[in-house]
Protein backbone atom coordinates (compact mmCIF):
# COMPACT_ATOMS: atom_id res chain seq x y z
CA MET A 1 -68.27 20.55 -48.88
CA PRO A 2 -69.48 24.20 -48.86
CA SER A 3 -67.73 26.68 -51.11
CA GLY A 4 -64.98 28.68 -49.42
CA ILE A 5 -63.83 25.65 -47.45
CA ALA A 6 -60.80 23.63 -48.40
CA SER A 7 -59.81 20.36 -46.74
CA THR A 8 -56.15 19.53 -45.96
CA LYS A 9 -56.03 15.96 -44.50
CA ASN A 10 -57.88 16.32 -41.18
CA GLN A 11 -57.83 20.08 -41.08
CA PHE A 12 -60.02 22.81 -42.53
CA LEU A 13 -59.04 26.16 -44.07
CA PHE A 14 -61.70 28.80 -44.47
CA PHE A 15 -61.41 31.99 -46.52
CA HIS A 16 -63.68 35.06 -46.31
CA VAL A 17 -66.36 33.23 -44.30
CA SER A 18 -68.67 34.95 -41.84
CA ILE A 19 -71.16 32.20 -40.95
CA VAL A 20 -70.36 28.49 -40.84
CA LEU A 21 -72.46 25.44 -40.08
CA LEU A 22 -70.20 22.43 -39.88
CA THR A 23 -72.39 19.67 -41.30
CA ASN A 24 -72.55 16.12 -40.01
CA SER A 25 -70.09 13.77 -41.55
CA LYS A 26 -69.30 10.05 -41.30
CA SER A 27 -65.70 10.72 -41.92
CA LYS A 28 -63.33 10.11 -38.99
CA ASN A 29 -61.43 13.11 -40.14
CA CYS A 30 -64.18 15.33 -38.73
CA LEU A 31 -63.95 14.10 -35.12
CA LYS A 32 -61.62 16.89 -33.97
CA LEU A 33 -61.38 20.57 -34.73
CA ASN A 34 -57.79 21.69 -34.52
CA SER A 35 -55.61 24.74 -34.66
CA THR A 36 -55.75 25.32 -38.43
CA LEU A 37 -59.08 27.01 -37.77
CA ASN A 38 -57.40 29.94 -36.04
CA PHE A 39 -56.94 31.50 -39.50
CA LEU A 40 -60.66 32.33 -39.55
CA ARG A 41 -60.33 36.04 -38.92
CA SER A 42 -63.73 36.81 -40.54
CA LEU A 43 -65.66 33.99 -38.90
CA ILE A 44 -68.58 35.35 -36.86
CA ILE A 45 -71.06 32.56 -36.15
CA ILE A 46 -70.47 28.81 -35.98
CA GLU A 47 -72.52 25.75 -35.02
CA ILE A 48 -70.50 22.68 -34.21
CA PRO A 49 -72.34 19.41 -34.99
CA ALA A 50 -72.75 16.41 -32.71
CA THR A 51 -70.14 14.39 -34.71
CA ILE A 52 -67.25 16.38 -33.25
CA ASP A 53 -65.56 14.77 -30.24
CA GLU A 54 -63.11 17.50 -29.28
CA ILE A 55 -62.27 21.14 -29.90
CA GLY A 56 -58.48 21.05 -30.10
CA GLU A 57 -55.78 23.37 -28.88
CA GLY A 58 -56.10 26.87 -30.31
CA ALA A 59 -58.81 25.80 -32.73
CA PHE A 60 -60.56 29.17 -32.92
CA ALA A 61 -57.98 31.38 -31.14
CA GLN A 62 -57.98 35.04 -32.16
CA SER A 63 -60.87 34.57 -34.60
CA GLY A 64 -63.65 37.11 -34.97
CA LEU A 65 -66.26 34.77 -33.54
CA LYS A 66 -69.29 36.37 -31.88
CA SER A 67 -71.43 33.22 -31.33
CA VAL A 68 -70.67 29.54 -30.87
CA THR A 69 -73.30 26.79 -30.53
CA LEU A 70 -72.68 23.15 -29.75
CA ALA A 71 -75.44 21.13 -31.38
CA SER A 72 -77.93 19.09 -29.38
CA GLY A 73 -76.48 15.67 -28.66
CA SER A 74 -72.93 17.06 -28.81
CA ARG A 75 -70.18 14.42 -28.26
CA ILE A 76 -67.56 17.00 -27.33
CA LYS A 77 -65.83 15.88 -24.11
CA THR A 78 -62.95 18.40 -24.12
CA ILE A 79 -62.46 22.01 -25.06
CA GLY A 80 -58.70 22.27 -25.54
CA ASP A 81 -56.04 24.70 -24.33
CA PHE A 82 -56.47 28.17 -25.86
CA ALA A 83 -59.39 26.86 -27.97
CA PHE A 84 -61.17 30.26 -28.02
CA ALA A 85 -58.38 32.39 -26.59
CA ASN A 86 -58.53 36.06 -27.42
CA CYS A 87 -61.82 35.88 -29.34
CA ARG A 88 -62.54 39.36 -28.16
CA GLU A 89 -65.92 39.66 -29.89
CA LEU A 90 -67.30 36.36 -28.54
CA SER A 91 -70.37 37.20 -26.51
CA THR A 92 -72.39 33.98 -26.69
CA ILE A 93 -71.57 30.35 -26.27
CA CYS A 94 -74.41 27.88 -26.11
CA PHE A 95 -73.85 24.41 -24.67
CA PRO A 96 -76.50 21.74 -25.17
CA SER A 97 -78.77 20.94 -22.24
CA SER A 98 -77.07 18.88 -19.54
CA SER A 99 -78.95 15.76 -20.58
CA ASP A 100 -77.45 16.13 -24.08
CA SER A 101 -73.96 17.15 -23.04
CA ARG A 102 -70.80 15.00 -22.65
CA LEU A 103 -68.45 17.91 -21.91
CA THR A 104 -66.22 17.03 -18.93
CA ARG A 105 -63.12 19.23 -19.34
CA ILE A 106 -62.47 22.88 -20.16
CA ARG A 107 -58.70 23.06 -20.40
CA GLU A 108 -56.17 25.77 -19.64
CA TYR A 109 -56.74 29.25 -21.13
CA ALA A 110 -59.64 27.91 -23.19
CA PHE A 111 -61.60 31.23 -23.09
CA GLN A 112 -58.77 33.58 -22.09
CA GLY A 113 -59.34 37.14 -23.30
CA CYS A 114 -62.94 36.69 -24.45
CA ALA A 115 -63.64 40.24 -23.31
CA SER A 116 -67.21 40.40 -24.58
CA LEU A 117 -68.48 37.29 -22.83
CA THR A 118 -71.00 38.39 -20.21
CA THR A 119 -72.50 35.06 -19.09
CA ILE A 120 -71.85 31.39 -19.53
CA ALA A 121 -74.07 28.45 -18.49
CA LEU A 122 -71.72 25.51 -17.76
CA PRO A 123 -73.33 22.09 -18.30
CA SER A 124 -73.73 19.77 -15.32
CA THR A 125 -71.48 17.19 -16.96
CA LEU A 126 -68.37 19.39 -16.45
CA GLN A 127 -65.81 18.01 -14.03
CA PHE A 128 -62.59 19.98 -14.67
CA ASN A 129 -62.31 23.75 -15.15
CA GLY A 130 -58.67 24.36 -16.12
CA GLU A 131 -56.13 26.93 -15.12
CA PHE A 132 -56.84 30.47 -16.30
CA ALA A 133 -59.72 29.14 -18.37
CA PHE A 134 -61.67 32.40 -18.21
CA THR A 135 -59.02 34.92 -17.26
CA GLY A 136 -59.40 38.18 -19.21
CA CYS A 137 -63.19 37.71 -19.64
CA PHE A 138 -63.63 41.16 -18.13
CA CYS A 139 -67.40 41.47 -18.79
CA LEU A 140 -68.28 38.15 -17.12
CA ASN A 141 -70.25 39.21 -14.04
CA SER A 142 -71.76 35.99 -12.81
CA VAL A 143 -71.09 32.28 -12.96
CA GLU A 144 -72.85 29.17 -11.74
CA ILE A 145 -70.61 26.20 -11.00
CA PRO A 146 -72.53 22.95 -11.64
CA SER A 147 -72.54 20.13 -9.15
CA SER A 148 -70.34 17.89 -11.34
CA VAL A 149 -67.23 20.20 -11.16
CA GLU A 150 -64.58 18.67 -8.87
CA TYR A 151 -61.69 21.05 -9.47
CA ILE A 152 -61.41 24.78 -10.32
CA GLY A 153 -57.92 25.46 -11.65
CA GLU A 154 -55.42 28.13 -10.75
CA GLY A 155 -56.62 31.62 -11.86
CA ALA A 156 -59.68 30.16 -13.60
CA PHE A 157 -61.82 33.25 -12.94
CA ALA A 158 -59.09 35.66 -11.77
CA ASP A 159 -59.37 39.42 -12.11
CA LEU A 160 -62.92 39.48 -13.44
CA LYS A 161 -65.90 41.62 -12.46
CA LEU A 162 -67.70 38.62 -11.01
CA LYS A 163 -70.28 39.80 -8.52
CA SER A 164 -71.98 36.45 -8.15
CA VAL A 165 -70.45 32.96 -7.80
CA LEU A 166 -73.02 30.27 -7.11
CA PHE A 167 -72.23 26.67 -6.39
CA ALA A 168 -74.84 23.90 -6.85
CA SER A 169 -76.36 22.74 -3.59
CA ASP A 170 -75.17 19.15 -4.30
CA SER A 171 -71.70 20.26 -5.38
CA LYS A 172 -68.92 17.69 -5.76
CA LEU A 173 -66.20 20.36 -5.78
CA ARG A 174 -63.10 19.21 -3.92
CA LYS A 175 -60.44 21.84 -4.64
CA ILE A 176 -60.43 25.60 -5.34
CA GLY A 177 -57.06 26.31 -6.99
CA ARG A 178 -54.56 29.05 -6.39
CA GLY A 179 -55.94 32.47 -7.22
CA ALA A 180 -59.07 30.95 -8.74
CA PHE A 181 -61.27 33.96 -7.88
CA ARG A 182 -58.55 36.51 -7.19
CA GLY A 183 -59.62 40.10 -7.68
CA CYS A 184 -63.33 39.40 -8.22
CA ALA A 185 -66.14 41.65 -7.00
CA MET A 186 -68.38 39.35 -5.03
CA GLU A 187 -69.56 40.41 -1.55
CA THR A 188 -70.35 36.91 -0.30
CA VAL A 189 -69.39 33.36 -1.13
CA ALA A 190 -70.78 30.10 0.18
CA ILE A 191 -68.19 27.31 0.14
CA PRO A 192 -69.72 23.92 -0.73
CA SER A 193 -69.47 21.28 1.99
CA SER A 194 -67.62 19.00 -0.42
CA VAL A 195 -64.54 21.30 -0.64
CA GLU A 196 -61.49 19.82 0.98
CA PHE A 197 -58.78 22.35 0.06
CA ILE A 198 -58.68 26.08 -0.75
CA ASP A 199 -55.32 27.11 -2.17
CA ARG A 200 -53.28 30.24 -1.77
CA ASP A 201 -54.83 33.53 -2.97
CA ALA A 202 -58.03 31.83 -4.01
CA PHE A 203 -60.00 34.94 -3.01
CA ALA A 204 -57.14 37.39 -2.68
CA ASP A 205 -57.82 41.07 -3.58
CA CYS A 206 -61.62 40.54 -3.51
CA LEU A 207 -62.04 44.02 -2.00
CA HIS A 208 -65.82 43.74 -1.52
CA LEU A 209 -65.86 40.34 0.07
CA THR A 210 -67.31 40.53 3.59
CA SER A 211 -69.04 37.20 4.08
CA VAL A 212 -67.73 33.66 3.75
CA LEU A 213 -70.18 30.87 4.62
CA ILE A 214 -68.98 27.42 5.53
CA PRO A 215 -71.61 24.71 6.26
CA ALA A 216 -71.55 22.64 9.43
CA ASP A 217 -70.85 19.44 7.47
CA SER A 218 -67.87 20.91 5.63
CA LYS A 219 -65.08 18.49 4.59
CA LEU A 220 -62.46 21.30 4.61
CA GLN A 221 -59.07 19.92 5.55
CA LYS A 222 -56.82 22.81 4.63
CA VAL A 223 -57.28 26.47 3.97
CA ASP A 224 -54.08 28.29 2.95
CA PRO A 225 -53.40 31.25 5.30
CA ASN A 226 -53.14 33.60 2.30
CA VAL A 227 -56.56 32.81 0.85
CA PHE A 228 -57.75 36.38 1.54
CA ARG A 229 -54.40 38.14 1.06
CA GLY A 230 -54.62 41.72 -0.05
CA CYS A 231 -58.32 42.10 0.71
CA SER A 232 -59.83 45.17 2.34
CA THR A 233 -59.78 45.55 6.14
CA GLU A 234 -63.29 44.24 6.32
CA SER A 235 -62.59 41.11 4.30
CA LYS A 236 -59.20 40.13 5.65
CA THR A 237 -61.15 38.76 8.59
CA PRO A 238 -64.56 38.21 7.08
CA LYS A 239 -67.49 39.53 9.07
CA SER A 240 -69.14 36.14 8.63
CA CYS A 241 -66.89 33.15 8.38
CA CYS A 242 -69.35 30.82 10.01
CA ILE A 243 -70.59 27.28 10.49
CA SER A 244 -74.23 27.24 9.43
């Protein structure tokens, strides 16, 4: 075990560490990173090996992280609630290529308050993007939602500077949660044909939104009447809410 790292049962304590490479281990105790790690105030860079199955609740919350890399062949399936919450210096998170990724769930508030994060490439294995997962990521200006995502949780991208939200052409998205993109800066959005329900305030207060595109083969069953609540005069009744 590297110097400066002490083991307490299945938890790690780090002291005065700026760069950490968690090495591969056959020990079952290394399968989950948990909330003890939030004491790493001086931690800047970390690479998480393929042996880790889960990043637990609050694992790196409020740390000084600037860069996180999930190793090629990562077995991580879940990034837990508040896992990287309020890592205000975090600007880079690198997921393995989709063919090497097993990540299916980003849970509630996982990246809340990561104010330096400007872009994130979500792997195509992701299915669930939890409530308020990226709220407070004020520098995030674009996001691509992979085809595998079926649910975008309440407030997941709320109150960001997002100018571009792109959904994969073969999207499996079924529900856009309440306030999911509230207060964002996009001018246009193309709703995937797979979407069945758009909840209240999903695009509320998107003052620049003027075009909403809905394909002819849309499966939309319900759109809450307050989806565009509080938008500008132009976007309360979008100039282009069309069947294409």
